Amino acid sequence: MKKISSFNRLLITFLFFIGLLIGFRIAYTGSLQHLFLSWNIFLAWIPYILSQYFSEYLRKAKWKQAVLFITWLLFFPNALYIVTDLIHIEDNKDIAVWYDAILLFASSFIGIMMAFVSLAKVESYLRNIFSRKVVTALVPIILFTASFGVYLGRFQRWNSWDVIQDPLALSMDILSNFISPVDNYRTWAITILFTGIYTMLYFFLKKLPQALSEERRG
């Protein structure tokens, strides 16, 4: 039996905590309003799970590696998407706004953590194919692509499975943004802002262990 890593144990604990928060909210308010967070967290979990297979797939055929990478990239925006759920923080009569703030922040945080751990595994995988400099350049491109996916999900209401369910309409929507970038300046402004914050957060968190180590030595 494969041993559960310390990160996964902490992840399970955090997910259980969020589940308790959602359960208490439902019991207290009688409303299923924030139950959607469970689904969004599940979608964020998919790329995290897929990323666990990259090291194993290094020994498999190239087409299998390509399928795994494309599938991961398709679902990766879902993990970053949860951050946009913070827009649901609002005053209501059912429960204190600070409670929803904690719930939505916790969900956003765990989504970001799963996203960045999966991206780190993909970055490690890509280093077996490309040079370190090339991979460093590819990370912001991946985050740009994912940020565009977040935009499509939040503002255009597309889902990952629409690639199969309604590929023509999705392709036309994406193509229109590239054909008329000036007319769709809002799309690219939001995508660039998302890319900037996600890229800075990712590289900042990668430096965090080093910063903590230096602090202990100091």
N, C-alpha and C. Protein backbone atom coordinates (compact mmCIF):
# COMPACT_ATOMS: atom_id res chain seq x y z
N MET A 1 0.84 -1.20 0.00
CA MET A 1 0.00 0.00 0.00
C MET A 1 0.88 1.26 0.00
N LYS A 2 0.54 2.20 -0.91
CA LYS A 2 1.34 3.42 -1.02
C LYS A 2 1.08 4.33 0.18
N LYS A 3 2.16 4.82 0.77
CA LYS A 3 2.04 5.68 1.94
C LYS A 3 1.52 7.06 1.54
N ILE A 4 0.59 7.57 2.35
CA ILE A 4 0.03 8.90 2.11
C ILE A 4 1.05 9.94 2.54
N SER A 5 1.37 10.87 1.66
CA SER A 5 2.36 11.89 1.98
C SER A 5 1.82 12.85 3.04
N SER A 6 2.73 13.55 3.68
CA SER A 6 2.33 14.51 4.71
C SER A 6 1.48 15.63 4.11
N PHE A 7 1.80 16.03 2.87
CA PHE A 7 1.00 17.06 2.22
C PHE A 7 -0.42 16.57 1.98
N ASN A 8 -0.56 15.32 1.52
CA ASN A 8 -1.89 14.79 1.26
C ASN A 8 -2.70 14.62 2.55
N ARG A 9 -2.02 14.28 3.63
CA ARG A 9 -2.72 14.19 4.92
C ARG A 9 -3.24 15.56 5.34
N LEU A 10 -2.40 16.57 5.15
CA LEU A 10 -2.82 17.93 5.48
C LEU A 10 -3.94 18.39 4.54
N LEU A 11 -3.83 18.01 3.27
CA LEU A 11 -4.86 18.34 2.29
C LEU A 11 -6.20 17.73 2.68
N ILE A 12 -6.19 16.46 3.07
CA ILE A 12 -7.42 15.78 3.49
C ILE A 12 -8.02 16.46 4.71
N THR A 13 -7.17 16.84 5.66
CA THR A 13 -7.64 17.54 6.86
C THR A 13 -8.29 18.86 6.49
N PHE A 14 -7.66 19.59 5.58
CA PHE A 14 -8.17 20.90 5.16
C PHE A 14 -9.50 20.74 4.44
N LEU A 15 -9.60 19.72 3.58
CA LEU A 15 -10.85 19.47 2.86
C LEU A 15 -11.96 19.07 3.83
N PHE A 16 -11.62 18.31 4.84
CA PHE A 16 -12.60 17.92 5.86
C PHE A 16 -13.09 19.16 6.60
N PHE A 17 -12.17 20.07 6.90
CA PHE A 17 -12.53 21.32 7.58
C PHE A 17 -13.50 22.14 6.73
N ILE A 18 -13.22 22.24 5.42
CA ILE A 18 -14.11 22.98 4.53
C ILE A 18 -15.47 22.29 4.46
N GLY A 19 -15.45 20.95 4.44
CA GLY A 19 -16.71 20.21 4.44
C GLY A 19 -17.54 20.51 5.67
N LEU A 20 -16.89 20.62 6.82
CA LEU A 20 -17.58 20.97 8.06
C LEU A 20 -18.17 22.37 7.98
N LEU A 21 -17.41 23.30 7.41
CA LEU A 21 -17.90 24.67 7.26
C LEU A 21 -19.14 24.72 6.37
N ILE A 22 -19.10 23.98 5.27
CA ILE A 22 -20.24 23.94 4.36
C ILE A 22 -21.43 23.26 5.03
N GLY A 23 -21.17 22.15 5.73
CA GLY A 23 -22.23 21.43 6.41
C GLY A 23 -22.90 22.28 7.48
N PHE A 24 -22.10 23.01 8.26
CA PHE A 24 -22.66 23.87 9.30
C PHE A 24 -23.49 24.98 8.67
N ARG A 25 -23.00 25.54 7.56
CA ARG A 25 -23.74 26.62 6.91
C ARG A 25 -25.11 26.14 6.43
N ILE A 26 -25.13 24.94 5.85
CA ILE A 26 -26.39 24.37 5.37
C ILE A 26 -27.35 24.13 6.54
N ALA A 27 -26.82 23.55 7.64
CA ALA A 27 -27.66 23.24 8.81
C ALA A 27 -28.18 24.52 9.47
N TYR A 28 -27.33 25.56 9.50
CA TYR A 28 -27.69 26.80 10.20
C TYR A 28 -28.67 27.65 9.40
N THR A 29 -28.45 27.71 8.08
CA THR A 29 -29.27 28.59 7.24
C THR A 29 -30.41 27.87 6.53
N GLY A 30 -30.27 26.54 6.39
CA GLY A 30 -31.26 25.79 5.61
C GLY A 30 -31.14 26.05 4.12
N SER A 31 -30.01 26.66 3.71
CA SER A 31 -29.79 27.01 2.30
C SER A 31 -28.63 26.21 1.73
N LEU A 32 -28.78 25.80 0.48
CA LEU A 32 -27.71 25.08 -0.23
C LEU A 32 -26.87 26.04 -1.08
N GLN A 33 -26.94 27.31 -0.77
CA GLN A 33 -26.35 28.37 -1.60
C GLN A 33 -24.87 28.13 -1.91
N HIS A 34 -24.09 27.69 -0.93
CA HIS A 34 -22.65 27.54 -1.12
C HIS A 34 -22.22 26.09 -1.32
N LEU A 35 -23.18 25.22 -1.61
CA LEU A 35 -22.83 23.82 -1.86
C LEU A 35 -22.02 23.68 -3.15
N PHE A 36 -22.12 24.66 -4.04
CA PHE A 36 -21.36 24.63 -5.29
C PHE A 36 -19.86 24.56 -5.03
N LEU A 37 -19.41 25.00 -3.86
CA LEU A 37 -17.99 24.95 -3.54
C LEU A 37 -17.46 23.52 -3.54
N SER A 38 -18.31 22.58 -3.11
CA SER A 38 -17.90 21.17 -3.11
C SER A 38 -17.58 20.70 -4.51
N TRP A 39 -18.41 21.08 -5.47
CA TRP A 39 -18.19 20.70 -6.87
C TRP A 39 -16.94 21.37 -7.42
N ASN A 40 -16.77 22.65 -7.11
CA ASN A 40 -15.59 23.38 -7.61
C ASN A 40 -14.30 22.81 -7.04
N ILE A 41 -14.33 22.41 -5.78
CA ILE A 41 -13.15 21.80 -5.16
C ILE A 41 -12.86 20.45 -5.80
N PHE A 42 -13.90 19.70 -6.11
CA PHE A 42 -13.71 18.41 -6.79
C PHE A 42 -13.05 18.62 -8.15
N LEU A 43 -13.51 19.63 -8.89
CA LEU A 43 -12.92 19.92 -10.20
C LEU A 43 -11.46 20.35 -10.06
N ALA A 44 -11.15 21.08 -8.98
CA ALA A 44 -9.77 21.49 -8.72
C ALA A 44 -8.90 20.30 -8.34
N TRP A 45 -9.50 19.30 -7.76
CA TRP A 45 -8.79 18.09 -7.33
C TRP A 45 -8.35 17.24 -8.52
N ILE A 46 -9.10 17.30 -9.64
CA ILE A 46 -8.80 16.47 -10.81
C ILE A 46 -7.40 16.73 -11.37
N PRO A 47 -7.02 17.99 -11.67
CA PRO A 47 -5.64 18.20 -12.18
C PRO A 47 -4.58 17.84 -11.15
N TYR A 48 -4.91 17.98 -9.86
CA TYR A 48 -3.96 17.59 -8.82
C TYR A 48 -3.69 16.09 -8.88
N ILE A 49 -4.74 15.31 -9.03
CA ILE A 49 -4.60 13.85 -9.13
C ILE A 49 -3.87 13.48 -10.42
N LEU A 50 -4.24 14.11 -11.52
CA LEU A 50 -3.59 13.80 -12.80
C LEU A 50 -2.09 14.07 -12.74
N SER A 51 -1.70 15.11 -12.03
CA SER A 51 -0.28 15.47 -11.96
C SER A 51 0.56 14.42 -11.24
N GLN A 52 -0.08 13.57 -10.44
CA GLN A 52 0.65 12.53 -9.73
C GLN A 52 1.22 11.47 -10.69
N TYR A 53 0.70 11.44 -11.93
CA TYR A 53 1.09 10.39 -12.87
C TYR A 53 2.20 10.81 -13.83
N PHE A 54 2.60 12.08 -13.80
CA PHE A 54 3.58 12.54 -14.78
C PHE A 54 4.92 11.82 -14.66
N SER A 55 5.40 11.61 -13.44
CA SER A 55 6.69 10.93 -13.27
C SER A 55 6.62 9.49 -13.79
N GLU A 56 5.48 8.87 -13.59
CA GLU A 56 5.29 7.49 -14.07
C GLU A 56 5.20 7.44 -15.59
N TYR A 57 4.57 8.45 -16.21
CA TYR A 57 4.35 8.45 -17.65
C TYR A 57 5.61 8.79 -18.45
N LEU A 58 6.68 9.18 -17.77
CA LEU A 58 7.94 9.42 -18.47
C LEU A 58 8.44 8.18 -19.19
N ARG A 59 8.04 7.02 -18.68
CA ARG A 59 8.47 5.75 -19.26
C ARG A 59 7.49 5.22 -20.29
N LYS A 60 6.40 5.94 -20.51
CA LYS A 60 5.38 5.49 -21.46
C LYS A 60 5.54 6.17 -22.82
N ALA A 61 4.73 5.73 -23.76
CA ALA A 61 4.81 6.27 -25.13
C ALA A 61 4.52 7.78 -25.13
N LYS A 62 5.10 8.47 -26.11
CA LYS A 62 4.96 9.92 -26.19
C LYS A 62 3.51 10.35 -26.32
N TRP A 63 2.71 9.58 -27.07
CA TRP A 63 1.31 9.98 -27.27
C TRP A 63 0.53 9.89 -25.97
N LYS A 64 0.90 8.93 -25.10
CA LYS A 64 0.25 8.82 -23.80
C LYS A 64 0.62 10.01 -22.90
N GLN A 65 1.90 10.41 -22.98
CA GLN A 65 2.33 11.59 -22.23
C GLN A 65 1.59 12.84 -22.71
N ALA A 66 1.41 12.93 -24.03
CA ALA A 66 0.72 14.09 -24.61
C ALA A 66 -0.75 14.12 -24.16
N VAL A 67 -1.39 12.97 -24.15
CA VAL A 67 -2.79 12.88 -23.71
C VAL A 67 -2.92 13.30 -22.26
N LEU A 68 -2.00 12.82 -21.42
CA LEU A 68 -2.03 13.18 -20.00
C LEU A 68 -1.84 14.68 -19.82
N PHE A 69 -0.87 15.25 -20.54
CA PHE A 69 -0.59 16.69 -20.40
C PHE A 69 -1.78 17.53 -20.86
N ILE A 70 -2.37 17.17 -22.00
CA ILE A 70 -3.51 17.93 -22.53
C ILE A 70 -4.71 17.82 -21.59
N THR A 71 -4.93 16.63 -21.05
CA THR A 71 -6.04 16.44 -20.11
C THR A 71 -5.82 17.27 -18.85
N TRP A 72 -4.57 17.25 -18.35
CA TRP A 72 -4.25 18.07 -17.17
C TRP A 72 -4.47 19.54 -17.47
N LEU A 73 -3.98 20.01 -18.62
CA LEU A 73 -4.10 21.42 -18.98
C LEU A 73 -5.56 21.82 -19.14
N LEU A 74 -6.38 20.89 -19.61
CA LEU A 74 -7.80 21.15 -19.80
C LEU A 74 -8.50 21.41 -18.47
N PHE A 75 -8.12 20.65 -17.44
CA PHE A 75 -8.77 20.78 -16.13
C PHE A 75 -8.05 21.73 -15.19
N PHE A 76 -6.80 22.09 -15.51
CA PHE A 76 -6.01 22.95 -14.64
C PHE A 76 -6.69 24.28 -14.29
N PRO A 77 -7.36 24.96 -15.25
CA PRO A 77 -8.01 26.22 -14.89
C PRO A 77 -9.04 26.09 -13.78
N ASN A 78 -9.63 24.90 -13.61
CA ASN A 78 -10.63 24.72 -12.56
C ASN A 78 -10.06 24.96 -11.17
N ALA A 79 -8.77 24.61 -10.99
CA ALA A 79 -8.14 24.81 -9.68
C ALA A 79 -7.92 26.28 -9.39
N LEU A 80 -7.59 27.05 -10.44
CA LEU A 80 -7.39 28.49 -10.28
C LEU A 80 -8.72 29.24 -10.23
N TYR A 81 -9.73 28.65 -10.83
CA TYR A 81 -11.05 29.29 -10.92
C TYR A 81 -11.66 29.58 -9.56
N ILE A 82 -11.37 28.72 -8.56
CA ILE A 82 -12.00 28.85 -7.25
C ILE A 82 -11.73 30.22 -6.63
N VAL A 83 -10.60 30.83 -6.97
CA VAL A 83 -10.29 32.15 -6.44
C VAL A 83 -11.39 33.15 -6.78
N THR A 84 -11.98 32.99 -7.98
CA THR A 84 -13.03 33.92 -8.41
C THR A 84 -14.33 33.74 -7.62
N ASP A 85 -14.43 32.64 -6.87
CA ASP A 85 -15.63 32.44 -6.04
C ASP A 85 -15.70 33.46 -4.90
N LEU A 86 -14.61 34.19 -4.68
CA LEU A 86 -14.61 35.23 -3.65
C LEU A 86 -15.63 36.33 -3.94
N ILE A 87 -16.11 36.41 -5.17
CA ILE A 87 -17.13 37.42 -5.51
C ILE A 87 -18.45 37.13 -4.80
N HIS A 88 -18.58 35.93 -4.25
CA HIS A 88 -19.83 35.56 -3.57
C HIS A 88 -19.88 36.04 -2.12
N ILE A 89 -18.82 36.73 -1.67
CA ILE A 89 -18.86 37.32 -0.32
C ILE A 89 -19.81 38.51 -0.35
N GLU A 90 -20.88 38.41 0.40
CA GLU A 90 -21.86 39.49 0.43
C GLU A 90 -22.66 39.42 1.73
N ASP A 91 -23.15 40.55 2.14
CA ASP A 91 -23.99 40.60 3.34
C ASP A 91 -25.32 39.90 3.07
N ASN A 92 -25.74 39.07 4.00
CA ASN A 92 -27.08 38.47 3.93
C ASN A 92 -27.60 38.25 5.34
N LYS A 93 -28.88 38.01 5.43
CA LYS A 93 -29.52 37.89 6.74
C LYS A 93 -29.35 36.50 7.35
N ASP A 94 -28.92 35.53 6.55
CA ASP A 94 -28.86 34.14 7.02
C ASP A 94 -27.67 33.86 7.92
N ILE A 95 -26.51 34.45 7.59
CA ILE A 95 -25.29 34.14 8.33
C ILE A 95 -24.33 35.33 8.23
N ALA A 96 -23.45 35.45 9.20
CA ALA A 96 -22.52 36.59 9.22
C ALA A 96 -21.59 36.55 8.01
N VAL A 97 -21.28 37.73 7.47
CA VAL A 97 -20.45 37.81 6.29
C VAL A 97 -19.05 37.27 6.55
N TRP A 98 -18.56 37.40 7.81
CA TRP A 98 -17.22 36.91 8.11
C TRP A 98 -17.14 35.39 7.99
N TYR A 99 -18.27 34.69 8.23
CA TYR A 99 -18.28 33.23 8.11
C TYR A 99 -18.10 32.83 6.64
N ASP A 100 -18.86 33.49 5.77
CA ASP A 100 -18.72 33.20 4.34
C ASP A 100 -17.34 33.59 3.83
N ALA A 101 -16.78 34.67 4.40
CA ALA A 101 -15.43 35.08 4.00
C ALA A 101 -14.42 33.99 4.33
N ILE A 102 -14.54 33.40 5.52
CA ILE A 102 -13.63 32.31 5.92
C ILE A 102 -13.82 31.10 5.00
N LEU A 103 -15.07 30.74 4.75
CA LEU A 103 -15.37 29.59 3.90
C LEU A 103 -14.83 29.77 2.48
N LEU A 104 -15.09 30.93 1.90
CA LEU A 104 -14.66 31.18 0.53
C LEU A 104 -13.14 31.33 0.44
N PHE A 105 -12.53 31.95 1.46
CA PHE A 105 -11.07 32.06 1.46
C PHE A 105 -10.43 30.68 1.59
N ALA A 106 -10.95 29.85 2.49
CA ALA A 106 -10.40 28.50 2.68
C ALA A 106 -10.51 27.69 1.39
N SER A 107 -11.63 27.80 0.70
CA SER A 107 -11.81 27.08 -0.56
C SER A 107 -10.86 27.59 -1.64
N SER A 108 -10.71 28.92 -1.70
CA SER A 108 -9.79 29.51 -2.68
C SER A 108 -8.35 29.08 -2.39
N PHE A 109 -7.99 29.08 -1.11
CA PHE A 109 -6.63 28.72 -0.71
C PHE A 109 -6.31 27.28 -1.09
N ILE A 110 -7.22 26.36 -0.81
CA ILE A 110 -6.95 24.96 -1.10
C ILE A 110 -6.91 24.72 -2.61
N GLY A 111 -7.72 25.49 -3.36
CA GLY A 111 -7.67 25.39 -4.81
C GLY A 111 -6.33 25.83 -5.35
N ILE A 112 -5.83 26.95 -4.84
CA ILE A 112 -4.53 27.47 -5.25
C ILE A 112 -3.42 26.49 -4.89
N MET A 113 -3.48 25.91 -3.70
CA MET A 113 -2.44 24.96 -3.28
C MET A 113 -2.42 23.73 -4.19
N MET A 114 -3.59 23.18 -4.49
CA MET A 114 -3.64 22.02 -5.37
C MET A 114 -3.17 22.39 -6.77
N ALA A 115 -3.53 23.59 -7.21
CA ALA A 115 -3.11 24.04 -8.54
C ALA A 115 -1.59 24.15 -8.63
N PHE A 116 -0.99 24.80 -7.64
CA PHE A 116 0.45 25.05 -7.71
C PHE A 116 1.29 23.80 -7.45
N VAL A 117 0.81 22.90 -6.62
CA VAL A 117 1.53 21.63 -6.43
C VAL A 117 1.48 20.82 -7.73
N SER A 118 0.32 20.81 -8.38
CA SER A 118 0.22 20.09 -9.65
C SER A 118 1.09 20.74 -10.71
N LEU A 119 1.14 22.07 -10.73
CA LEU A 119 1.99 22.77 -11.69
C LEU A 119 3.47 22.50 -11.43
N ALA A 120 3.85 22.41 -10.16
CA ALA A 120 5.23 22.09 -9.82
C ALA A 120 5.61 20.70 -10.34
N LYS A 121 4.69 19.77 -10.26
CA LYS A 121 4.95 18.41 -10.76
C LYS A 121 5.06 18.42 -12.28
N VAL A 122 4.24 19.23 -12.93
CA VAL A 122 4.32 19.35 -14.38
C VAL A 122 5.63 20.02 -14.78
N GLU A 123 6.03 21.03 -14.02
CA GLU A 123 7.30 21.71 -14.28
C GLU A 123 8.46 20.72 -14.16
N SER A 124 8.42 19.86 -13.15
CA SER A 124 9.46 18.85 -12.97
C SER A 124 9.45 17.87 -14.15
N TYR A 125 8.28 17.49 -14.60
CA TYR A 125 8.15 16.59 -15.75
C TYR A 125 8.74 17.22 -17.01
N LEU A 126 8.42 18.50 -17.25
CA LEU A 126 8.88 19.18 -18.45
C LEU A 126 10.40 19.34 -18.47
N ARG A 127 11.03 19.38 -17.29
CA ARG A 127 12.49 19.51 -17.23
C ARG A 127 13.19 18.27 -17.76
N ASN A 128 12.46 17.17 -17.85
CA ASN A 128 13.03 15.96 -18.45
C ASN A 128 12.99 16.02 -19.97
N ILE A 129 12.31 17.02 -20.49
CA ILE A 129 12.16 17.16 -21.94
C ILE A 129 12.87 18.41 -22.46
N PHE A 130 12.76 19.51 -21.69
CA PHE A 130 13.33 20.79 -22.11
C PHE A 130 14.36 21.27 -21.09
N SER A 131 15.10 22.29 -21.48
CA SER A 131 16.09 22.87 -20.57
C SER A 131 15.38 23.66 -19.47
N ARG A 132 16.10 23.96 -18.40
CA ARG A 132 15.53 24.71 -17.28
C ARG A 132 15.02 26.09 -17.72
N LYS A 133 15.77 26.77 -18.58
CA LYS A 133 15.36 28.09 -19.05
C LYS A 133 14.07 28.03 -19.85
N VAL A 134 13.96 27.02 -20.70
CA VAL A 134 12.75 26.86 -21.51
C VAL A 134 11.55 26.59 -20.61
N VAL A 135 11.73 25.72 -19.63
CA VAL A 135 10.63 25.39 -18.71
C VAL A 135 10.21 26.61 -17.91
N THR A 136 11.19 27.39 -17.45
CA THR A 136 10.88 28.62 -16.70
C THR A 136 10.04 29.57 -17.55
N ALA A 137 10.31 29.60 -18.86
CA ALA A 137 9.54 30.44 -19.77
C ALA A 137 8.16 29.84 -20.05
N LEU A 138 8.07 28.51 -20.01
CA LEU A 138 6.80 27.84 -20.30
C LEU A 138 5.78 28.01 -19.18
N VAL A 139 6.24 28.13 -17.94
CA VAL A 139 5.32 28.23 -16.80
C VAL A 139 4.37 29.42 -16.94
N PRO A 140 4.86 30.65 -17.21
CA PRO A 140 3.92 31.76 -17.40
C PRO A 140 2.97 31.55 -18.58
N ILE A 141 3.44 30.85 -19.62
CA ILE A 141 2.58 30.56 -20.77
C ILE A 141 1.45 29.63 -20.35
N ILE A 142 1.79 28.62 -19.54
CA ILE A 142 0.77 27.70 -19.03
C ILE A 142 -0.23 28.46 -18.16
N LEU A 143 0.28 29.35 -17.31
CA LEU A 143 -0.59 30.14 -16.44
C LEU A 143 -1.43 31.13 -17.24
N PHE A 144 -0.89 31.65 -18.34
CA PHE A 144 -1.67 32.53 -19.22
C PHE A 144 -2.82 31.75 -19.84
N THR A 145 -2.51 30.55 -20.33
CA THR A 145 -3.55 29.69 -20.93
C THR A 145 -4.63 29.35 -19.91
N ALA A 146 -4.19 29.02 -18.69
CA ALA A 146 -5.13 28.69 -17.63
C ALA A 146 -5.96 29.90 -17.22
N SER A 147 -5.34 31.07 -17.20
CA SER A 147 -6.05 32.31 -16.85
C SER A 147 -7.13 32.62 -17.88
N PHE A 148 -6.82 32.36 -19.15
CA PHE A 148 -7.82 32.52 -20.20
C PHE A 148 -8.97 31.55 -19.97
N GLY A 149 -8.62 30.33 -19.53
CA GLY A 149 -9.64 29.35 -19.20
C GLY A 149 -10.51 29.80 -18.03
N VAL A 150 -9.90 30.44 -17.04
CA VAL A 150 -10.65 30.98 -15.90
C VAL A 150 -11.63 32.04 -16.39
N TYR A 151 -11.15 32.89 -17.30
CA TYR A 151 -12.04 33.92 -17.87
C TYR A 151 -13.23 33.26 -18.58
N LEU A 152 -12.95 32.26 -19.39
CA LEU A 152 -14.02 31.58 -20.13
C LEU A 152 -15.03 30.95 -19.18
N GLY A 153 -14.53 30.44 -18.05
CA GLY A 153 -15.42 29.81 -17.09
C GLY A 153 -16.24 30.81 -16.30
N ARG A 154 -15.59 31.86 -15.80
CA ARG A 154 -16.27 32.82 -14.93
C ARG A 154 -17.19 33.75 -15.70
N PHE A 155 -16.72 34.27 -16.84
CA PHE A 155 -17.47 35.31 -17.53
C PHE A 155 -18.26 34.79 -18.74
N GLN A 156 -17.74 33.75 -19.39
CA GLN A 156 -18.44 33.19 -20.55
C GLN A 156 -19.22 31.92 -20.19
N ARG A 157 -18.99 31.43 -18.97
CA ARG A 157 -19.71 30.27 -18.41
C ARG A 157 -19.47 28.97 -19.17
N TRP A 158 -18.27 28.82 -19.74
CA TRP A 158 -17.90 27.56 -20.37
C TRP A 158 -17.33 26.61 -19.32
N ASN A 159 -17.45 25.32 -19.57
CA ASN A 159 -16.90 24.29 -18.69
C ASN A 159 -15.87 23.46 -19.43
N SER A 160 -15.02 22.76 -18.68
CA SER A 160 -13.97 21.94 -19.30
C SER A 160 -14.54 20.90 -20.25
N TRP A 161 -15.67 20.30 -19.89
CA TRP A 161 -16.24 19.23 -20.70
C TRP A 161 -16.92 19.75 -21.98
N ASP A 162 -17.04 21.08 -22.11
CA ASP A 162 -17.61 21.64 -23.34
C ASP A 162 -16.67 21.41 -24.53
N VAL A 163 -15.42 21.09 -24.26
CA VAL A 163 -14.49 20.73 -25.33
C VAL A 163 -15.03 19.53 -26.09
N ILE A 164 -15.72 18.64 -25.39
CA ILE A 164 -16.33 17.45 -26.01
C ILE A 164 -17.81 17.69 -26.31
N GLN A 165 -18.49 18.35 -25.37
CA GLN A 165 -19.94 18.51 -25.47
C GLN A 165 -20.36 19.53 -26.54
N ASP A 166 -19.64 20.63 -26.63
CA ASP A 166 -19.99 21.68 -27.59
C ASP A 166 -18.72 22.33 -28.14
N PRO A 167 -17.87 21.54 -28.81
CA PRO A 167 -16.56 22.05 -29.25
C PRO A 167 -16.64 23.17 -30.27
N LEU A 168 -17.64 23.13 -31.15
CA LEU A 168 -17.74 24.13 -32.21
C LEU A 168 -18.03 25.52 -31.63
N ALA A 169 -19.03 25.61 -30.77
CA ALA A 169 -19.39 26.90 -30.17
C ALA A 169 -18.25 27.44 -29.31
N LEU A 170 -17.60 26.55 -28.57
CA LEU A 170 -16.47 26.95 -27.73
C LEU A 170 -15.32 27.46 -28.58
N SER A 171 -15.02 26.75 -29.66
CA SER A 171 -13.93 27.15 -30.55
C SER A 171 -14.21 28.50 -31.20
N MET A 172 -15.45 28.72 -31.59
CA MET A 172 -15.82 29.99 -32.21
C MET A 172 -15.68 31.14 -31.22
N ASP A 173 -16.06 30.89 -29.97
CA ASP A 173 -15.95 31.92 -28.94
C ASP A 173 -14.49 32.27 -28.69
N ILE A 174 -13.65 31.25 -28.58
CA ILE A 174 -12.22 31.47 -28.37
C ILE A 174 -11.60 32.19 -29.57
N LEU A 175 -11.96 31.73 -30.77
CA LEU A 175 -11.40 32.30 -31.99
C LEU A 175 -11.76 33.78 -32.13
N SER A 176 -12.98 34.14 -31.74
CA SER A 176 -13.43 35.54 -31.87
C SER A 176 -12.58 36.46 -31.01
N ASN A 177 -12.11 35.97 -29.86
CA ASN A 177 -11.25 36.78 -28.99
C ASN A 177 -9.89 37.02 -29.61
N PHE A 178 -9.40 36.07 -30.39
CA PHE A 178 -8.10 36.22 -31.03
C PHE A 178 -8.19 37.03 -32.32
N ILE A 179 -9.30 36.87 -33.04
CA ILE A 179 -9.47 37.61 -34.30
C ILE A 179 -9.67 39.09 -34.04
N SER A 180 -10.42 39.41 -32.98
CA SER A 180 -10.71 40.83 -32.68
C SER A 180 -10.25 41.16 -31.26
N PRO A 181 -8.93 41.22 -31.03
CA PRO A 181 -8.43 41.46 -29.67
C PRO A 181 -8.80 42.85 -29.13
N VAL A 182 -8.90 43.84 -30.03
CA VAL A 182 -9.25 45.19 -29.58
C VAL A 182 -10.69 45.24 -29.09
N ASP A 183 -11.58 44.62 -29.85
CA ASP A 183 -12.99 44.58 -29.46
C ASP A 183 -13.19 43.78 -28.18
N ASN A 184 -12.27 42.86 -27.93
CA ASN A 184 -12.36 42.01 -26.75
C ASN A 184 -11.27 42.36 -25.73
N TYR A 185 -10.98 43.66 -25.62
CA TYR A 185 -9.91 44.12 -24.72
C TYR A 185 -10.17 43.70 -23.28
N ARG A 186 -11.45 43.64 -22.87
CA ARG A 186 -11.79 43.25 -21.50
C ARG A 186 -11.33 41.82 -21.23
N THR A 187 -11.51 40.95 -22.22
CA THR A 187 -11.08 39.55 -22.09
C THR A 187 -9.59 39.49 -21.78
N TRP A 188 -8.79 40.21 -22.57
CA TRP A 188 -7.34 40.13 -22.43
C TRP A 188 -6.83 40.89 -21.21
N ALA A 189 -7.54 41.96 -20.84
CA ALA A 189 -7.15 42.69 -19.62
C ALA A 189 -7.32 41.79 -18.40
N ILE A 190 -8.45 41.11 -18.32
CA ILE A 190 -8.71 40.20 -17.19
C ILE A 190 -7.74 39.03 -17.22
N THR A 191 -7.51 38.48 -18.41
CA THR A 191 -6.59 37.33 -18.54
C THR A 191 -5.18 37.71 -18.11
N ILE A 192 -4.71 38.89 -18.52
CA ILE A 192 -3.36 39.34 -18.15
C ILE A 192 -3.25 39.59 -16.65
N LEU A 193 -4.31 40.17 -16.06
CA LEU A 193 -4.31 40.39 -14.61
C LEU A 193 -4.25 39.07 -13.85
N PHE A 194 -5.05 38.11 -14.29
CA PHE A 194 -5.02 36.78 -13.67
C PHE A 194 -3.64 36.15 -13.83
N THR A 195 -3.09 36.26 -15.03
CA THR A 195 -1.77 35.67 -15.29
C THR A 195 -0.72 36.28 -14.37
N GLY A 196 -0.77 37.59 -14.21
CA GLY A 196 0.19 38.27 -13.36
C GLY A 196 0.13 37.81 -11.92
N ILE A 197 -1.07 37.79 -11.36
CA ILE A 197 -1.20 37.41 -9.94
C ILE A 197 -0.88 35.95 -9.72
N TYR A 198 -1.31 35.08 -10.63
CA TYR A 198 -1.02 33.65 -10.48
C TYR A 198 0.48 33.36 -10.63
N THR A 199 1.12 34.03 -11.59
CA THR A 199 2.56 33.82 -11.80
C THR A 199 3.36 34.29 -10.60
N MET A 200 3.04 35.47 -10.10
CA MET A 200 3.75 35.99 -8.93
C MET A 200 3.53 35.10 -7.71
N LEU A 201 2.30 34.66 -7.51
CA LEU A 201 2.01 33.78 -6.37
C LEU A 201 2.77 32.46 -6.48
N TYR A 202 2.80 31.90 -7.69
CA TYR A 202 3.46 30.61 -7.88
C TYR A 202 4.95 30.69 -7.57
N PHE A 203 5.63 31.67 -8.15
CA PHE A 203 7.07 31.79 -7.93
C PHE A 203 7.37 32.26 -6.50
N PHE A 204 6.48 33.05 -5.92
CA PHE A 204 6.64 33.46 -4.53
C PHE A 204 6.57 32.25 -3.60
N LEU A 205 5.58 31.38 -3.81
CA LEU A 205 5.43 30.20 -2.95
C LEU A 205 6.58 29.21 -3.15
N LYS A 206 7.13 29.18 -4.36
CA LYS A 206 8.29 28.31 -4.59
C LYS A 206 9.51 28.77 -3.79
N LYS A 207 9.59 30.08 -3.55
CA LYS A 207 10.71 30.63 -2.79
C LYS A 207 10.47 30.59 -1.28
N LEU A 208 9.25 30.28 -0.88
CA LEU A 208 8.90 30.32 0.55
C LEU A 208 9.74 29.37 1.41
N PRO A 209 9.93 28.10 1.00
CA PRO A 209 10.78 27.21 1.82
C PRO A 209 12.19 27.76 2.02
N GLN A 210 12.76 28.35 0.96
CA GLN A 210 14.10 28.94 1.06
C GLN A 210 14.11 30.12 2.02
N ALA A 211 13.06 30.95 1.95
CA ALA A 211 12.97 32.11 2.83
C ALA A 211 12.84 31.68 4.29
N LEU A 212 12.05 30.64 4.54
CA LEU A 212 11.87 30.14 5.90
C LEU A 212 13.17 29.52 6.42
N SER A 213 13.90 28.84 5.54
CA SER A 213 15.17 28.24 5.92
C SER A 213 16.18 29.33 6.28
N GLU A 214 16.21 30.39 5.49
CA GLU A 214 17.12 31.51 5.78
C GLU A 214 16.74 32.19 7.08
N GLU A 215 15.46 32.27 7.36
CA GLU A 215 14.99 32.91 8.60
C GLU A 215 15.43 32.10 9.82
N ARG A 216 15.36 30.77 9.69
CA ARG A 216 15.77 29.92 10.81
C ARG A 216 17.28 30.05 11.04
N ARG A 217 18.06 30.10 9.94
CA ARG A 217 19.50 30.24 10.08
C ARG A 217 19.89 31.60 10.65
N GLY A 218 19.07 32.61 10.30
CA GLY A 218 19.36 33.95 10.77
C GLY A 218 19.05 34.12 12.24
